[in-house]
Structures are given as C-alpha cells and as structure tokens.
Amino acid sequence: MTHPILSRIPVLRDFVDERFLEHRRRSTSLAGLICLLVTGILFEYRYFHDQIWSNDLLALILIFAVVKFSMMAWYRIKD
C-alpha cells in the first residue's frame, strides 16, 4: 500500500516506498534520542563542572519528555 501523497507525485513514487518512510521514522527517532542524551550531558557538565544551572537546557529536556510521553499516551488511546 503506497502513501496517498506518493501516488499523486510520480517522481517521488520511484524513489520513496514503505522502507524509505520506515527508515526516515527510525532515523528521526534516533536523532531525537541522541539530541536528548547530548543535552542531558551538557546540562550535567554545566551544573557539576561550572556550577551553572542552565534553564534553557533543562527546558529542552522537559519539552522532550512531555512531548514523548504525551504522544505515547495519544497513540495508545487511539490505537
């Protein structure tokens, strides 16, 4: 089964299939988790090494957590 947008755009139909979409989903998920890990490490480094509390980095970590868990709940309810 092809994606509805792909059936309307002939050029994309040749290059994009279900495997491509699955690879894009996985790579985006992994990139988000790696960014969270790096943000957490940077937050802890600034806090323990420089004794600086970074509200901006903490906000990024909390935003990630809220979005991740709310989307997990949404998908669980809808699926």
C-alpha atoms as a PDB file:
ATOM      1  CA  MET A   1       0.000   0.000   0.000  1.00  0.00           C
ATOM      2  CA  THR A   2       1.502   3.302  -1.039  1.00  0.00           C
ATOM      3  CA  HIS A   3       1.271   6.548   0.795  1.00  0.00           C
ATOM      4  CA  PRO A   4      -1.520   8.832  -0.571  1.00  0.00           C
ATOM      5  CA  ILE A   5       0.872  11.673  -1.305  1.00  0.00           C
ATOM      6  CA  LEU A   6       3.236   9.369  -3.186  1.00  0.00           C
ATOM      7  CA  SER A   7       0.517   8.241  -5.556  1.00  0.00           C
ATOM      8  CA  ARG A   8      -0.084  11.863  -6.597  1.00  0.00           C
ATOM      9  CA  ILE A   9       3.568  12.755  -7.225  1.00  0.00           C
ATOM     10  CA  PRO A  10       5.044  10.468  -9.906  1.00  0.00           C
ATOM     11  CA  VAL A  11       8.682  11.456  -9.317  1.00  0.00           C
ATOM     12  CA  LEU A  12       8.529  10.517  -5.627  1.00  0.00           C
ATOM     13  CA  ARG A  13       6.797   7.220  -6.361  1.00  0.00           C
ATOM     14  CA  ASP A  14      10.007   5.893  -7.934  1.00  0.00           C
ATOM     15  CA  PHE A  15      12.264   6.823  -5.008  1.00  0.00           C
ATOM     16  CA  VAL A  16      10.067   6.678  -1.915  1.00  0.00           C
ATOM     17  CA  ASP A  17       8.477   3.484  -0.672  1.00  0.00           C
ATOM     18  CA  GLU A  18       7.470   1.999   2.679  1.00  0.00           C
ATOM     19  CA  ARG A  19      11.066   1.123   3.508  1.00  0.00           C
ATOM     20  CA  PHE A  20      12.138   4.719   2.945  1.00  0.00           C
ATOM     21  CA  LEU A  21       9.371   6.008   5.211  1.00  0.00           C
ATOM     22  CA  GLU A  22      10.268   3.467   7.917  1.00  0.00           C
ATOM     23  CA  HIS A  23      13.960   4.391   7.688  1.00  0.00           C
ATOM     24  CA  ARG A  24      13.060   8.068   7.956  1.00  0.00           C
ATOM     25  CA  ARG A  25      10.929   7.373  11.041  1.00  0.00           C
ATOM     26  CA  ARG A  26      13.668   5.352  12.728  1.00  0.00           C
ATOM     27  CA  SER A  27      16.428   7.841  11.943  1.00  0.00           C
ATOM     28  CA  THR A  28      14.345  10.749  13.212  1.00  0.00           C
ATOM     29  CA  SER A  29      13.591   8.879  16.429  1.00  0.00           C
ATOM     30  CA  LEU A  30      17.245   8.021  16.960  1.00  0.00           C
ATOM     31  CA  ALA A  31      18.309  11.605  16.227  1.00  0.00           C
ATOM     32  CA  GLY A  32      15.854  12.889  18.839  1.00  0.00           C
ATOM     33  CA  LEU A  33      17.145  10.477  21.460  1.00  0.00           C
ATOM     34  CA  ILE A  34      20.772  11.358  20.723  1.00  0.00           C
ATOM     35  CA  CYS A  35      19.950  15.077  20.999  1.00  0.00           C
ATOM     36  CA  LEU A  36      18.287  14.401  24.350  1.00  0.00           C
ATOM     37  CA  LEU A  37      21.358  12.492  25.546  1.00  0.00           C
ATOM     38  CA  VAL A  38      23.755  15.261  24.466  1.00  0.00           C
ATOM     39  CA  THR A  39      21.530  17.919  26.033  1.00  0.00           C
ATOM     40  CA  GLY A  40      21.461  15.976  29.311  1.00  0.00           C
ATOM     41  CA  ILE A  41      25.239  15.549  29.295  1.00  0.00           C
ATOM     42  CA  LEU A  42      25.761  19.248  28.571  1.00  0.00           C
ATOM     43  CA  PHE A  43      23.294  20.194  31.334  1.00  0.00           C
ATOM     44  CA  GLU A  44      25.115  17.993  33.859  1.00  0.00           C
ATOM     45  CA  TYR A  45      28.531  19.245  32.750  1.00  0.00           C
ATOM     46  CA  ARG A  46      27.489  22.858  33.196  1.00  0.00           C
ATOM     47  CA  TYR A  47      25.917  22.087  36.568  1.00  0.00           C
ATOM     48  CA  PHE A  48      28.661  19.934  38.110  1.00  0.00           C
ATOM     49  CA  HIS A  49      31.745  21.443  36.452  1.00  0.00           C
ATOM     50  CA  ASP A  50      30.821  25.112  36.073  1.00  0.00           C
ATOM     51  CA  GLN A  51      28.179  25.291  38.854  1.00  0.00           C
ATOM     52  CA  ILE A  52      25.767  26.924  36.385  1.00  0.00           C
ATOM     53  CA  TRP A  53      22.096  25.936  36.330  1.00  0.00           C
ATOM     54  CA  SER A  54      21.028  26.058  32.662  1.00  0.00           C
ATOM     55  CA  ASN A  55      17.294  26.711  32.453  1.00  0.00           C
ATOM     56  CA  ASP A  56      17.397  26.539  28.665  1.00  0.00           C
ATOM     57  CA  LEU A  57      18.867  23.025  28.614  1.00  0.00           C
ATOM     58  CA  LEU A  58      16.513  21.873  31.356  1.00  0.00           C
ATOM     59  CA  ALA A  59      13.586  23.253  29.346  1.00  0.00           C
ATOM     60  CA  LEU A  60      14.701  21.239  26.296  1.00  0.00           C
ATOM     61  CA  ILE A  61      14.868  18.050  28.365  1.00  0.00           C
ATOM     62  CA  LEU A  62      11.424  18.681  29.862  1.00  0.00           C
ATOM     63  CA  ILE A  63       9.889  19.545  26.479  1.00  0.00           C
ATOM     64  CA  PHE A  64      11.237  16.291  25.052  1.00  0.00           C
ATOM     65  CA  ALA A  65       9.802  14.312  27.968  1.00  0.00           C
ATOM     66  CA  VAL A  66       6.378  15.970  27.789  1.00  0.00           C
ATOM     67  CA  VAL A  67       6.088  15.520  24.015  1.00  0.00           C
ATOM     68  CA  LYS A  68       7.375  11.927  24.108  1.00  0.00           C
ATOM     69  CA  PHE A  69       5.030  10.755  26.869  1.00  0.00           C
ATOM     70  CA  SER A  70       2.017  12.677  25.615  1.00  0.00           C
ATOM     71  CA  MET A  71       2.441  11.209  22.124  1.00  0.00           C
ATOM     72  CA  MET A  72       2.892   7.725  23.581  1.00  0.00           C
ATOM     73  CA  ALA A  73      -0.369   8.175  25.512  1.00  0.00           C
ATOM     74  CA  TRP A  74      -2.116   9.586  22.428  1.00  0.00           C
ATOM     75  CA  TYR A  75      -1.056   6.663  20.249  1.00  0.00           C
ATOM     76  CA  ARG A  76      -2.029   4.191  22.985  1.00  0.00           C
ATOM     77  CA  ILE A  77      -5.514   5.715  23.284  1.00  0.00           C
ATOM     78  CA  LYS A  78      -6.064   5.984  19.511  1.00  0.00           C
ATOM     79  CA  ASP A  79      -4.594   2.595  18.541  1.00  0.00           C
END
